[in-house]
Amino acid sequence: MVTVIGVRFRHAGKVYYFSPGTHEIKKGDYVIVETARGVEYGLVVSDPKLAGDEDIVMPLRTIIRKADDKDKETYQKNLESEKQAFHVCEEKIAHHELDMKLVDVEYTFDGNKILFYFTADGRVDFRELVKDLAAVFRTRIELRQIGVRDETKMQCGIGICGRPFCCSTFLSDFAPVSIKMAKDQSLSLNPSKISGTCGRLMCCLKYEDSTYEELNRRLPDEGDTVDTPDGTGEVLHVNVLRQLIKVGVTQEKGDVAINEYAVEDVRIVRHKRRKGNMNEEVMDAEEERQLEAMEHEFDEDRPRDRQRASRRPPRQDRRGPKKDAVKEEPKA
């Protein structure tokens, strides 16, 4: 076990662990640390705590110092420099007529490197652009292509729920989201209803997925035959959250009485028949194929977004070597 603190470098960004060393650090402090990208300025988001070796990336780095007023002033100057660098880069992109969109600019704390984040439909030959930027700023330049989700996270905004984007406020990583999650939650499978501003499936579909999975396990499917206190009938509708089942029970005169029952009051007699009386494994495989086809159609509606995401480079770890980024050293 080792004592660590969690440090975040960007709002809603990933949390990295560092050793506080001999410094007295608490949550809310700002610290200066050394990473694979250079010296950086970060916010402490967790008080010192004990962590196992499996929870941290070794070797564990120790913070350089607690940030003082001079460091905070340097950080603010870097923010102003980022705005200027953004405009300069946009002009250079227009000059070289490159099919790319600049999203954000980030200075390292010591000013030894500038990172430019951009999106593009395909691969872009920006070697001349990198040379021009290095000549202007006289420092190391790195251009990094990102996906549509990362673009939305950086730019922030308001979702269809009326609240700020989850990815811009508290989500540090993107979890896999599938259209099956929307189906299990009885949501509309219309892409415009379940997609976010980025054009991908909404991250919030993942939040309650495990709960719906557990609740759906106890419920019959629509069309199943069940025994109720009033007789045998067919399931017409299920309310997942309230755990209620609406059943149509045929009466002696042929009329159908529709009543709601709690899941504890019914017993499944027979599952509905599907396509030639297929067994359960075959039915599950068939449903899986249908969902995959639906997800493919969903992606086909947004070919540009899909192409961007397919070319998204792997997320970089601040402690690991950079493999897919393009760098340019300042000329002597």
Protein backbone atom coordinates (compact mmCIF):
# COMPACT_ATOMS: atom_id res chain seq x y z
CA MET A 1 0.00 0.00 0.00
CA VAL A 2 1.21 3.50 -0.81
CA THR A 3 -0.15 6.99 -0.07
CA VAL A 4 -1.42 8.80 -3.18
CA ILE A 5 -3.41 11.87 -4.20
CA GLY A 6 -5.64 12.20 -7.27
CA VAL A 7 -4.78 15.01 -9.66
CA ARG A 8 -6.86 16.24 -12.60
CA PHE A 9 -5.43 18.46 -15.35
CA ARG A 10 -8.60 19.30 -17.28
CA HIS A 11 -12.17 19.83 -16.15
CA ALA A 12 -13.94 16.42 -16.07
CA GLY A 13 -10.69 14.86 -17.27
CA LYS A 14 -9.08 11.63 -16.17
CA VAL A 15 -7.69 11.45 -12.61
CA TYR A 16 -4.00 10.54 -12.27
CA TYR A 17 -2.33 9.40 -9.07
CA PHE A 18 0.83 10.96 -7.63
CA SER A 19 2.72 10.63 -4.37
CA PRO A 20 2.41 13.71 -2.11
CA GLY A 21 5.93 13.07 -0.79
CA THR A 22 6.71 15.27 2.23
CA HIS A 23 4.20 17.95 1.19
CA GLU A 24 0.98 18.53 3.12
CA ILE A 25 -1.66 18.32 0.40
CA LYS A 26 -5.43 18.37 0.67
CA LYS A 27 -8.33 18.26 -1.74
CA GLY A 28 -8.77 21.55 -3.60
CA ASP A 29 -5.06 22.45 -3.66
CA TYR A 30 -3.18 23.06 -6.89
CA VAL A 31 0.12 21.28 -7.46
CA ILE A 32 2.99 21.23 -9.95
CA VAL A 33 3.85 17.75 -11.22
CA GLU A 34 6.03 16.23 -13.91
CA THR A 35 4.40 13.96 -16.49
CA ALA A 36 5.39 12.40 -19.80
CA ARG A 37 4.22 15.63 -21.45
CA GLY A 38 6.37 17.82 -19.23
CA VAL A 39 5.73 19.97 -16.16
CA GLU A 40 2.01 20.52 -15.59
CA TYR A 41 -0.37 22.38 -13.29
CA GLY A 42 -3.16 20.28 -11.79
CA LEU A 43 -6.01 20.31 -9.29
CA VAL A 44 -6.01 17.86 -6.38
CA VAL A 45 -9.41 16.12 -6.42
CA SER A 46 -8.90 13.64 -3.57
CA ASP A 47 -7.30 13.78 -0.15
CA PRO A 48 -4.25 11.56 0.50
CA LYS A 49 -5.32 7.92 0.70
CA LEU A 50 -3.82 4.44 0.64
CA ALA A 51 -3.92 2.59 -2.68
CA GLY A 52 -2.76 -0.85 -3.74
CA ASP A 53 -0.16 -1.44 -6.43
CA GLU A 54 -2.87 -2.75 -8.77
CA ASP A 55 -4.71 0.60 -8.64
CA ILE A 56 -1.81 2.80 -9.73
CA VAL A 57 0.57 3.01 -12.67
CA MET A 58 4.15 2.38 -11.68
CA PRO A 59 6.55 4.03 -11.27
CA LEU A 60 4.59 6.46 -9.10
CA ARG A 61 5.78 10.03 -9.54
CA THR A 62 6.05 12.50 -6.66
CA ILE A 63 4.66 16.02 -6.99
CA ILE A 64 7.26 18.76 -7.45
CA ARG A 65 5.64 21.30 -5.16
CA LYS A 66 2.40 22.89 -4.10
CA ALA A 67 1.44 25.67 -6.50
CA ASP A 68 1.95 29.26 -5.30
CA ASP A 69 0.60 32.58 -6.56
CA LYS A 70 3.33 32.85 -9.19
CA ASP A 71 2.37 29.43 -10.58
CA LYS A 72 -1.28 30.43 -10.75
CA GLU A 73 -0.31 33.58 -12.64
CA THR A 74 1.72 31.50 -15.12
CA TYR A 75 -1.28 29.20 -15.59
CA GLN A 76 -3.56 32.16 -16.38
CA LYS A 77 -1.03 33.50 -18.91
CA ASN A 78 -0.99 30.10 -20.59
CA LEU A 79 -4.78 30.23 -20.93
CA GLU A 80 -4.50 33.58 -22.70
CA SER A 81 -1.73 32.22 -24.93
CA GLU A 82 -3.97 29.27 -25.86
CA LYS A 83 -6.59 31.67 -27.26
CA GLN A 84 -4.00 33.42 -29.39
CA ALA A 85 -2.55 30.11 -30.59
CA PHE A 86 -6.04 28.96 -31.56
CA HIS A 87 -6.54 31.93 -33.91
CA VAL A 88 -3.05 31.55 -35.40
CA CYS A 89 -3.61 27.85 -36.08
CA GLU A 90 -6.99 28.51 -37.72
CA GLU A 91 -5.34 31.00 -40.08
CA LYS A 92 -2.63 28.49 -40.97
CA ILE A 93 -5.22 25.76 -41.60
CA ALA A 94 -7.09 28.08 -43.97
CA HIS A 95 -3.83 29.04 -45.68
CA HIS A 96 -2.92 25.40 -46.36
CA GLU A 97 -6.56 24.60 -47.29
CA LEU A 98 -6.68 21.57 -44.99
CA ASP A 99 -9.96 19.71 -44.44
CA MET A 100 -9.81 19.72 -40.64
CA LYS A 101 -11.55 21.48 -37.77
CA LEU A 102 -9.55 22.86 -34.85
CA VAL A 103 -11.25 22.05 -31.54
CA ASP A 104 -8.94 23.11 -28.73
CA VAL A 105 -5.40 24.20 -27.88
CA GLU A 106 -3.47 23.29 -24.74
CA TYR A 107 -0.16 24.63 -23.43
CA THR A 108 1.95 22.60 -21.04
CA PHE A 109 2.68 24.52 -17.85
CA ASP A 110 6.34 25.18 -18.73
CA GLY A 111 5.45 26.23 -22.28
CA ASN A 112 7.72 23.60 -23.83
CA LYS A 113 4.91 22.05 -25.85
CA ILE A 114 1.62 23.12 -27.45
CA LEU A 115 -1.05 20.54 -28.26
CA PHE A 116 -3.63 21.21 -30.98
CA TYR A 117 -6.73 18.98 -30.96
CA PHE A 118 -8.67 18.65 -34.21
CA THR A 119 -11.29 16.56 -35.98
CA ALA A 120 -11.30 15.47 -39.62
CA ASP A 121 -13.23 13.05 -41.81
CA GLY A 122 -10.10 11.16 -42.82
CA ARG A 123 -6.34 11.32 -42.65
CA VAL A 124 -4.83 14.78 -43.09
CA ASP A 125 -1.31 15.57 -44.27
CA PHE A 126 -0.48 18.42 -41.89
CA ARG A 127 3.32 18.22 -41.99
CA GLU A 128 3.65 21.69 -43.52
CA LEU A 129 1.19 23.05 -40.95
CA VAL A 130 3.30 21.66 -38.11
CA LYS A 131 6.42 23.28 -39.55
CA ASP A 132 4.67 26.66 -39.80
CA LEU A 133 3.39 26.46 -36.22
CA ALA A 134 6.83 25.50 -34.91
CA ALA A 135 8.33 28.49 -36.74
CA VAL A 136 5.76 30.85 -35.19
CA PHE A 137 5.77 29.60 -31.58
CA ARG A 138 9.40 28.38 -31.38
CA THR A 139 8.44 25.38 -29.28
CA ARG A 140 7.42 21.74 -29.68
CA ILE A 141 4.16 21.22 -31.57
CA GLU A 142 1.84 18.23 -31.35
CA LEU A 143 -1.33 17.75 -33.41
CA ARG A 144 -3.78 15.16 -32.13
CA GLN A 145 -6.86 13.92 -33.99
CA ILE A 146 -9.83 13.21 -31.73
CA GLY A 147 -13.27 11.66 -32.15
CA VAL A 148 -16.69 13.29 -32.05
CA ARG A 149 -17.26 12.35 -28.40
CA ASP A 150 -14.03 14.04 -27.30
CA GLU A 151 -14.91 17.07 -29.41
CA THR A 152 -18.26 17.44 -27.66
CA LYS A 153 -16.63 16.93 -24.25
CA MET A 154 -14.17 19.76 -24.90
CA GLN A 155 -16.71 22.22 -26.31
CA CYS A 156 -19.40 21.62 -23.64
CA GLY A 157 -23.07 22.40 -24.15
CA ILE A 158 -26.61 21.59 -23.03
CA GLY A 159 -28.18 18.17 -23.62
CA ILE A 160 -31.78 17.41 -24.56
CA CYS A 161 -32.50 16.94 -20.84
CA GLY A 162 -31.72 20.62 -20.24
CA ARG A 163 -28.58 19.93 -18.22
CA PRO A 164 -24.90 20.37 -19.18
CA PHE A 165 -23.33 17.42 -20.99
CA CYS A 166 -22.40 14.56 -18.66
CA CYS A 167 -19.07 14.15 -20.45
CA SER A 168 -18.22 17.81 -19.80
CA THR A 169 -19.16 17.79 -16.12
CA PHE A 170 -18.32 14.50 -14.42
CA LEU A 171 -17.59 11.65 -16.86
CA SER A 172 -13.83 11.06 -17.02
CA ASP A 173 -14.05 8.08 -19.40
CA PHE A 174 -16.51 7.01 -22.09
CA ALA A 175 -18.23 3.69 -21.37
CA PRO A 176 -19.42 1.46 -24.26
CA VAL A 177 -23.10 2.07 -25.09
CA SER A 178 -25.23 -0.21 -27.29
CA ILE A 179 -28.68 0.08 -28.80
CA LYS A 180 -29.70 -3.00 -26.79
CA MET A 181 -29.61 -0.81 -23.67
CA ALA A 182 -32.28 1.44 -25.20
CA LYS A 183 -34.40 -1.60 -26.11
CA ASP A 184 -34.15 -3.04 -22.59
CA GLN A 185 -35.35 0.29 -21.18
CA SER A 186 -38.34 0.36 -23.57
CA LEU A 187 -37.11 3.55 -25.23
CA SER A 188 -37.81 4.62 -28.78
CA LEU A 189 -35.24 3.18 -31.16
CA ASN A 190 -35.43 6.26 -33.35
CA PRO A 191 -31.81 7.52 -33.68
CA SER A 192 -32.87 11.13 -33.19
CA LYS A 193 -34.41 10.21 -29.82
CA ILE A 194 -31.51 8.28 -28.29
CA SER A 195 -28.48 10.05 -29.73
CA GLY A 196 -26.62 12.94 -28.13
CA THR A 197 -25.27 16.14 -29.65
CA CYS A 198 -22.16 14.25 -30.74
CA GLY A 199 -24.30 11.97 -32.91
CA ARG A 200 -23.48 8.87 -30.90
CA LEU A 201 -25.75 6.95 -28.51
CA MET A 202 -26.33 8.92 -25.32
CA CYS A 203 -23.97 8.06 -22.45
CA CYS A 204 -26.87 8.14 -19.97
CA LEU A 205 -28.28 4.92 -21.49
CA LYS A 206 -25.57 3.17 -19.49
CA TYR A 207 -26.51 4.62 -16.10
CA GLU A 208 -29.60 2.50 -15.39
CA ASP A 209 -28.79 -0.45 -17.65
CA SER A 210 -27.79 -2.79 -14.81
CA THR A 211 -31.00 -1.97 -12.90
CA TYR A 212 -33.18 -2.65 -15.94
CA GLU A 213 -31.32 -5.90 -16.58
CA GLU A 214 -32.09 -7.08 -13.05
CA LEU A 215 -35.75 -6.00 -13.20
CA ASN A 216 -36.33 -7.51 -16.65
CA ARG A 217 -35.10 -10.88 -15.42
CA ARG A 218 -38.17 -11.23 -13.20
CA LEU A 219 -40.69 -10.24 -15.87
CA PRO A 220 -42.29 -12.28 -18.68
CA ASP A 221 -42.17 -11.02 -22.26
CA GLU A 222 -45.16 -9.54 -24.04
CA GLY A 223 -47.08 -12.41 -25.66
CA ASP A 224 -46.17 -14.98 -23.01
CA THR A 225 -48.93 -17.07 -21.44
CA VAL A 226 -49.18 -16.71 -17.65
CA ASP A 227 -51.32 -17.96 -14.78
CA THR A 228 -53.01 -15.23 -12.71
CA PRO A 229 -55.42 -15.31 -9.73
CA ASP A 230 -58.21 -14.75 -12.29
CA GLY A 231 -57.15 -17.46 -14.72
CA THR A 232 -54.73 -18.01 -17.59
CA GLY A 233 -54.09 -15.14 -19.98
CA GLU A 234 -51.67 -13.46 -22.35
CA VAL A 235 -49.24 -10.74 -21.33
CA LEU A 236 -50.18 -7.50 -23.09
CA HIS A 237 -47.75 -5.07 -21.45
CA VAL A 238 -45.12 -4.96 -18.73
CA ASN A 239 -44.16 -1.99 -16.54
CA VAL A 240 -40.53 -2.62 -15.74
CA LEU A 241 -40.02 -0.03 -13.01
CA ARG A 242 -43.27 -0.72 -11.16
CA GLN A 243 -42.95 -4.49 -11.75
CA LEU A 244 -46.57 -4.70 -12.95
CA ILE A 245 -47.89 -6.94 -15.71
CA LYS A 246 -51.01 -6.21 -17.77
CA VAL A 247 -52.70 -9.48 -18.71
CA GLY A 248 -55.69 -10.22 -20.92
CA VAL A 249 -57.72 -13.13 -19.47
CA THR A 250 -60.38 -14.73 -21.70
CA GLN A 251 -63.76 -15.11 -19.95
CA GLU A 252 -66.40 -17.81 -20.43
CA LYS A 253 -68.39 -15.72 -22.91
CA GLY A 254 -65.30 -14.98 -24.98
CA ASP A 255 -64.76 -11.51 -23.59
CA VAL A 256 -61.25 -10.51 -22.56
CA ALA A 257 -60.77 -8.97 -19.11
CA ILE A 258 -57.64 -6.84 -18.84
CA ASN A 259 -56.12 -6.51 -15.38
CA GLU A 260 -52.78 -5.54 -13.88
CA TYR A 261 -50.92 -7.91 -11.55
CA ALA A 262 -47.75 -7.73 -9.52
CA VAL A 263 -44.95 -9.94 -10.75
CA GLU A 264 -45.29 -12.10 -7.61
CA ASP A 265 -48.92 -12.93 -8.51
CA VAL A 266 -48.27 -14.46 -11.92
CA ARG A 267 -46.52 -17.59 -13.13
CA ILE A 268 -45.20 -18.12 -16.65
CA VAL A 269 -46.91 -21.07 -18.32
CA ARG A 270 -45.55 -20.78 -21.85
CA HIS A 271 -43.28 -18.41 -23.72
CA LYS A 272 -44.58 -16.91 -26.92
CA ARG A 273 -43.80 -18.84 -30.07
CA ARG A 274 -41.38 -17.28 -32.52
CA LYS A 275 -40.61 -18.30 -36.09
CA GLY A 276 -41.08 -22.02 -36.21
CA ASN A 277 -40.88 -22.71 -32.50
CA MET A 278 -37.17 -21.90 -32.20
CA ASN A 279 -35.48 -22.78 -28.93
CA GLU A 280 -34.33 -20.08 -26.51
CA GLU A 281 -30.69 -19.98 -27.65
CA VAL A 282 -31.69 -19.59 -31.30
CA MET A 283 -34.20 -16.87 -30.39
CA ASP A 284 -31.53 -14.96 -28.46
CA ALA A 285 -29.14 -15.22 -31.41
CA GLU A 286 -31.85 -14.04 -33.80
CA GLU A 287 -32.64 -11.06 -31.57
CA GLU A 288 -28.93 -10.25 -31.32
CA ARG A 289 -28.65 -10.21 -35.13
CA GLN A 290 -31.65 -7.91 -35.38
CA LEU A 291 -30.12 -5.49 -32.87
CA GLU A 292 -26.79 -5.53 -34.68
CA ALA A 293 -28.56 -4.75 -37.96
CA MET A 294 -30.44 -1.93 -36.27
CA GLU A 295 -27.22 -0.53 -34.83
CA HIS A 296 -25.62 -0.69 -38.27
CA GLU A 297 -28.54 1.30 -39.72
CA PHE A 298 -28.15 3.76 -36.85
CA ASP A 299 -24.49 4.28 -37.78
CA GLU A 300 -25.30 4.52 -41.49
CA ASP A 301 -27.38 7.61 -40.72
CA ARG A 302 -24.18 9.32 -39.56
CA PRO A 303 -21.38 8.17 -41.90
CA ARG A 304 -19.25 11.18 -41.14
CA ASP A 305 -19.32 10.60 -37.39
CA ARG A 306 -18.60 6.90 -37.83
CA GLN A 307 -15.63 7.64 -40.08
CA ARG A 308 -14.23 10.06 -37.55
CA ALA A 309 -14.60 7.62 -34.69
CA SER A 310 -12.97 4.79 -36.65
CA ARG A 311 -9.86 6.89 -37.11
CA ARG A 312 -9.68 8.07 -33.55
CA PRO A 313 -6.19 7.44 -32.17
CA PRO A 314 -5.81 5.61 -28.83
CA ARG A 315 -6.12 7.76 -25.73
CA GLN A 316 -2.71 8.79 -24.43
CA ASP A 317 -1.57 8.12 -20.90
CA ARG A 318 0.35 10.99 -19.39
CA ARG A 319 3.02 8.63 -18.14
CA GLY A 320 3.45 6.53 -21.28
CA PRO A 321 5.34 7.27 -24.48
CA LYS A 322 3.42 8.94 -27.31
CA LYS A 323 3.15 6.73 -30.37
CA ASP A 324 0.61 8.16 -32.79
CA ALA A 325 1.10 11.89 -32.28
CA VAL A 326 3.00 14.10 -34.70
CA LYS A 327 5.61 16.29 -33.11
CA GLU A 328 7.86 19.04 -34.37
CA GLU A 329 10.91 20.33 -32.52
CA PRO A 330 11.66 24.05 -32.70
CA LYS A 331 14.30 24.98 -35.20
CA ALA A 332 17.62 26.22 -33.90
